[in-house]
Amino acid sequence: MHRITITIDEELLAVVDALAAAKGYASRSEAIRDLLRAETARTAALAPATPCVATLSYVYDHAARDLARRLAAEHHAHHDLSIASLHVHLDHDSCLEVAALRGQAGAVRRFADAVTAGRGVRHHALHMVPARVENAVHDHGAGATKHTHIHA
């Protein structure tokens, strides 16, 4: 075992303490180790080359220095993954964004990590679902159109 030191605000420390008490952990360290194990298992569930559809949601402080510009730049740099996005003003300081994504799991995960690692992003969740992507050509009454089908 190795001993490390982390800096954590009082509110998040209270969450760790509540989790440790609720689940009966002997220490904060065991609660944090368990959270890390769960995150490792969750991210290993989809191989990097697996096609997927995903939602990435995150709450951020819109006044954090350059954060809104950096988030927009990440989205533009990865426009090939984006299906749609939703932006909600929660209060005077906080915004919620939800991005619907599709692509290879590794690319989606790297994009999510780049977006959520920024200072000022307070909460985030990535939900990925394996999918089969098929390019199709159909005549839906208005002539043949080429489009993508996603089978989740």
C-alpha atoms as a PDB file:
ATOM      1  CA  MET A   1       0.000   0.000   0.000  1.00  0.00           C
ATOM      2  CA  HIS A   2       1.022   3.566  -0.682  1.00  0.00           C
ATOM      3  CA  ARG A   3      -0.087   6.610   1.257  1.00  0.00           C
ATOM      4  CA  ILE A   4      -1.167   9.668  -0.756  1.00  0.00           C
ATOM      5  CA  THR A   5      -2.516  13.076   0.202  1.00  0.00           C
ATOM      6  CA  ILE A   6      -5.448  14.685  -1.595  1.00  0.00           C
ATOM      7  CA  THR A   7      -7.045  18.089  -1.239  1.00  0.00           C
ATOM      8  CA  ILE A   8     -10.828  17.986  -1.010  1.00  0.00           C
ATOM      9  CA  ASP A   9     -13.416  20.625  -0.110  1.00  0.00           C
ATOM     10  CA  GLU A  10     -15.602  20.218   2.975  1.00  0.00           C
ATOM     11  CA  GLU A  11     -18.767  19.451   1.011  1.00  0.00           C
ATOM     12  CA  LEU A  12     -17.150  16.590  -0.915  1.00  0.00           C
ATOM     13  CA  LEU A  13     -15.486  15.286   2.253  1.00  0.00           C
ATOM     14  CA  ALA A  14     -18.936  15.125   3.841  1.00  0.00           C
ATOM     15  CA  VAL A  15     -20.075  13.018   0.880  1.00  0.00           C
ATOM     16  CA  VAL A  16     -17.129  10.632   1.386  1.00  0.00           C
ATOM     17  CA  ASP A  17     -17.889  10.389   5.103  1.00  0.00           C
ATOM     18  CA  ALA A  18     -21.599   9.758   4.444  1.00  0.00           C
ATOM     19  CA  LEU A  19     -20.746   7.056   1.891  1.00  0.00           C
ATOM     20  CA  ALA A  20     -18.301   5.418   4.309  1.00  0.00           C
ATOM     21  CA  ALA A  21     -20.926   5.410   7.079  1.00  0.00           C
ATOM     22  CA  ALA A  22     -23.789   4.219   4.861  1.00  0.00           C
ATOM     23  CA  LYS A  23     -21.828   1.335   3.383  1.00  0.00           C
ATOM     24  CA  GLY A  24     -20.010   0.428   6.586  1.00  0.00           C
ATOM     25  CA  TYR A  25     -16.466   1.112   5.379  1.00  0.00           C
ATOM     26  CA  ALA A  26     -13.831   1.031   8.077  1.00  0.00           C
ATOM     27  CA  SER A  27     -12.189   4.201   6.724  1.00  0.00           C
ATOM     28  CA  ARG A  28     -12.343   6.970   4.143  1.00  0.00           C
ATOM     29  CA  SER A  29      -9.513   5.232   2.340  1.00  0.00           C
ATOM     30  CA  GLU A  30     -11.559   2.076   1.817  1.00  0.00           C
ATOM     31  CA  ALA A  31     -14.523   4.109   0.536  1.00  0.00           C
ATOM     32  CA  ILE A  32     -12.306   5.935  -1.964  1.00  0.00           C
ATOM     33  CA  ARG A  33     -10.585   2.688  -3.042  1.00  0.00           C
ATOM     34  CA  ASP A  34     -14.014   1.143  -3.670  1.00  0.00           C
ATOM     35  CA  LEU A  35     -15.103   4.150  -5.761  1.00  0.00           C
ATOM     36  CA  LEU A  36     -11.916   3.877  -7.813  1.00  0.00           C
ATOM     37  CA  ARG A  37     -12.447   0.142  -8.343  1.00  0.00           C
ATOM     38  CA  ALA A  38     -16.030   0.776  -9.510  1.00  0.00           C
ATOM     39  CA  GLU A  39     -14.923   3.502 -11.934  1.00  0.00           C
ATOM     40  CA  THR A  40     -12.180   1.255 -13.307  1.00  0.00           C
ATOM     41  CA  ALA A  41     -14.684  -1.552 -13.916  1.00  0.00           C
ATOM     42  CA  ARG A  42     -17.186   0.837 -15.505  1.00  0.00           C
ATOM     43  CA  THR A  43     -14.669   2.302 -17.960  1.00  0.00           C
ATOM     44  CA  ALA A  44     -13.315  -1.150 -18.869  1.00  0.00           C
ATOM     45  CA  ALA A  45     -16.796  -2.383 -19.846  1.00  0.00           C
ATOM     46  CA  LEU A  46     -16.530  -1.181 -23.462  1.00  0.00           C
ATOM     47  CA  ALA A  47     -13.385  -1.872 -25.489  1.00  0.00           C
ATOM     48  CA  PRO A  48     -11.975   1.270 -27.158  1.00  0.00           C
ATOM     49  CA  ALA A  49     -12.898   0.145 -30.696  1.00  0.00           C
ATOM     50  CA  THR A  50     -16.510  -0.764 -29.808  1.00  0.00           C
ATOM     51  CA  PRO A  51     -19.061   1.470 -31.552  1.00  0.00           C
ATOM     52  CA  CYS A  52     -21.390   3.135 -29.079  1.00  0.00           C
ATOM     53  CA  VAL A  53     -23.954   5.825 -28.480  1.00  0.00           C
ATOM     54  CA  ALA A  54     -23.541   7.906 -25.368  1.00  0.00           C
ATOM     55  CA  THR A  55     -24.732  10.809 -23.309  1.00  0.00           C
ATOM     56  CA  LEU A  56     -22.304  13.098 -21.563  1.00  0.00           C
ATOM     57  CA  SER A  57     -23.828  15.432 -19.010  1.00  0.00           C
ATOM     58  CA  TYR A  58     -21.949  17.936 -16.915  1.00  0.00           C
ATOM     59  CA  VAL A  59     -22.535  20.970 -14.725  1.00  0.00           C
ATOM     60  CA  TYR A  60     -20.007  23.756 -14.863  1.00  0.00           C
ATOM     61  CA  ASP A  61     -19.369  27.273 -13.610  1.00  0.00           C
ATOM     62  CA  HIS A  62     -19.861  29.453 -16.671  1.00  0.00           C
ATOM     63  CA  ALA A  63     -17.737  32.215 -15.113  1.00  0.00           C
ATOM     64  CA  ALA A  64     -14.662  29.992 -14.647  1.00  0.00           C
ATOM     65  CA  ARG A  65     -11.813  31.538 -16.594  1.00  0.00           C
ATOM     66  CA  ASP A  66     -11.979  30.581 -20.292  1.00  0.00           C
ATOM     67  CA  LEU A  67     -13.952  27.416 -19.477  1.00  0.00           C
ATOM     68  CA  ALA A  68     -16.914  28.095 -21.800  1.00  0.00           C
ATOM     69  CA  ARG A  69     -14.506  28.846 -24.670  1.00  0.00           C
ATOM     70  CA  ARG A  70     -12.465  25.687 -23.956  1.00  0.00           C
ATOM     71  CA  LEU A  71     -15.603  23.540 -23.785  1.00  0.00           C
ATOM     72  CA  ALA A  72     -16.833  24.922 -27.109  1.00  0.00           C
ATOM     73  CA  ALA A  73     -13.395  24.297 -28.651  1.00  0.00           C
ATOM     74  CA  GLU A  74     -13.469  20.647 -27.484  1.00  0.00           C
ATOM     75  CA  HIS A  75     -16.923  20.177 -28.992  1.00  0.00           C
ATOM     76  CA  HIS A  76     -15.826  21.708 -32.300  1.00  0.00           C
ATOM     77  CA  ALA A  77     -12.634  19.624 -32.360  1.00  0.00           C
ATOM     78  CA  HIS A  78     -14.755  16.482 -31.987  1.00  0.00           C
ATOM     79  CA  HIS A  79     -17.775  17.428 -34.112  1.00  0.00           C
ATOM     80  CA  ASP A  80     -17.690  13.968 -35.709  1.00  0.00           C
ATOM     81  CA  LEU A  81     -18.820  12.437 -32.384  1.00  0.00           C
ATOM     82  CA  SER A  82     -21.693  14.839 -31.797  1.00  0.00           C
ATOM     83  CA  ILE A  83     -25.322  14.057 -32.572  1.00  0.00           C
ATOM     84  CA  ALA A  84     -26.911  16.885 -30.563  1.00  0.00           C
ATOM     85  CA  SER A  85     -26.428  18.972 -27.442  1.00  0.00           C
ATOM     86  CA  LEU A  86     -28.568  20.761 -24.894  1.00  0.00           C
ATOM     87  CA  HIS A  87     -27.475  23.775 -22.843  1.00  0.00           C
ATOM     88  CA  VAL A  88     -29.442  24.802 -19.730  1.00  0.00           C
ATOM     89  CA  HIS A  89     -28.831  27.817 -17.468  1.00  0.00           C
ATOM     90  CA  LEU A  90     -29.412  26.445 -13.959  1.00  0.00           C
ATOM     91  CA  ASP A  91     -28.768  29.633 -11.988  1.00  0.00           C
ATOM     92  CA  HIS A  92     -26.561  32.737 -12.133  1.00  0.00           C
ATOM     93  CA  ASP A  93     -23.370  30.663 -11.976  1.00  0.00           C
ATOM     94  CA  SER A  94     -24.088  27.162 -13.245  1.00  0.00           C
ATOM     95  CA  CYS A  95     -24.870  25.624 -16.618  1.00  0.00           C
ATOM     96  CA  LEU A  96     -25.844  22.065 -17.475  1.00  0.00           C
ATOM     97  CA  GLU A  97     -24.834  20.626 -20.814  1.00  0.00           C
ATOM     98  CA  VAL A  98     -25.935  17.289 -22.213  1.00  0.00           C
ATOM     99  CA  ALA A  99     -24.276  15.958 -25.344  1.00  0.00           C
ATOM    100  CA  ALA A 100     -25.594  13.003 -27.344  1.00  0.00           C
ATOM    101  CA  LEU A 101     -22.608  11.262 -28.932  1.00  0.00           C
ATOM    102  CA  ARG A 102     -21.801   8.364 -31.242  1.00  0.00           C
ATOM    103  CA  GLY A 103     -18.504   6.807 -32.238  1.00  0.00           C
ATOM    104  CA  GLN A 104     -15.903   4.398 -31.002  1.00  0.00           C
ATOM    105  CA  ALA A 105     -15.957   4.012 -27.222  1.00  0.00           C
ATOM    106  CA  GLY A 106     -12.317   5.071 -26.875  1.00  0.00           C
ATOM    107  CA  ALA A 107     -12.866   8.316 -28.786  1.00  0.00           C
ATOM    108  CA  VAL A 108     -16.051   9.073 -26.850  1.00  0.00           C
ATOM    109  CA  ARG A 109     -14.291   8.420 -23.533  1.00  0.00           C
ATOM    110  CA  ARG A 110     -11.293  10.614 -24.497  1.00  0.00           C
ATOM    111  CA  PHE A 111     -13.649  13.436 -25.483  1.00  0.00           C
ATOM    112  CA  ALA A 112     -15.587  13.097 -22.215  1.00  0.00           C
ATOM    113  CA  ASP A 113     -12.368  13.128 -20.205  1.00  0.00           C
ATOM    114  CA  ALA A 114     -11.107  16.237 -22.040  1.00  0.00           C
ATOM    115  CA  VAL A 115     -14.385  18.058 -21.366  1.00  0.00           C
ATOM    116  CA  THR A 116     -14.882  17.065 -17.735  1.00  0.00           C
ATOM    117  CA  ALA A 117     -11.293  17.427 -16.514  1.00  0.00           C
ATOM    118  CA  GLY A 118     -11.429  21.218 -16.833  1.00  0.00           C
ATOM    119  CA  ARG A 119     -11.350  23.327 -13.697  1.00  0.00           C
ATOM    120  CA  GLY A 120     -14.868  24.593 -13.101  1.00  0.00           C
ATOM    121  CA  VAL A 121     -16.635  21.400 -14.218  1.00  0.00           C
ATOM    122  CA  ARG A 122     -18.285  20.310 -10.982  1.00  0.00           C
ATOM    123  CA  HIS A 123     -20.366  17.235 -11.796  1.00  0.00           C
ATOM    124  CA  HIS A 124     -20.362  14.891 -14.765  1.00  0.00           C
ATOM    125  CA  ALA A 125     -21.595  11.554 -15.981  1.00  0.00           C
ATOM    126  CA  LEU A 126     -20.897   9.548 -19.113  1.00  0.00           C
ATOM    127  CA  HIS A 127     -23.322   6.801 -20.071  1.00  0.00           C
ATOM    128  CA  MET A 128     -22.240   4.607 -22.998  1.00  0.00           C
ATOM    129  CA  VAL A 129     -24.292   1.939 -24.746  1.00  0.00           C
ATOM    130  CA  PRO A 130     -22.760  -0.486 -27.264  1.00  0.00           C
ATOM    131  CA  ALA A 131     -24.220   0.005 -30.731  1.00  0.00           C
ATOM    132  CA  ARG A 132     -24.008  -1.285 -34.264  1.00  0.00           C
ATOM    133  CA  VAL A 133     -23.720   1.494 -36.849  1.00  0.00           C
ATOM    134  CA  GLU A 134     -25.005   0.824 -40.358  1.00  0.00           C
ATOM    135  CA  ASN A 135     -24.891   3.108 -43.401  1.00  0.00           C
ATOM    136  CA  ALA A 136     -28.138   2.699 -45.317  1.00  0.00           C
ATOM    137  CA  VAL A 137     -29.870   3.927 -48.432  1.00  0.00           C
ATOM    138  CA  HIS A 138     -33.665   3.961 -48.348  1.00  0.00           C
ATOM    139  CA  ASP A 139     -36.484   5.382 -50.383  1.00  0.00           C
ATOM    140  CA  HIS A 140     -38.941   6.850 -47.884  1.00  0.00           C
ATOM    141  CA  GLY A 141     -41.255   8.206 -50.587  1.00  0.00           C
ATOM    142  CA  ALA A 142     -39.184  11.279 -51.417  1.00  0.00           C
ATOM    143  CA  GLY A 143     -36.414   9.512 -53.315  1.00  0.00           C
ATOM    144  CA  ALA A 144     -33.449   7.518 -52.113  1.00  0.00           C
ATOM    145  CA  THR A 145     -31.594   9.021 -49.177  1.00  0.00           C
ATOM    146  CA  LYS A 146     -28.328   7.965 -47.611  1.00  0.00           C
ATOM    147  CA  HIS A 147     -28.265   8.003 -43.813  1.00  0.00           C
ATOM    148  CA  THR A 148     -26.999   6.181 -40.765  1.00  0.00           C
ATOM    149  CA  HIS A 149     -28.887   3.661 -38.637  1.00  0.00           C
ATOM    150  CA  ILE A 150     -27.745   3.022 -35.094  1.00  0.00           C
ATOM    151  CA  HIS A 151     -28.846  -0.222 -33.471  1.00  0.00           C
ATOM    152  CA  ALA A 152     -28.344  -0.144 -29.712  1.00  0.00           C
END
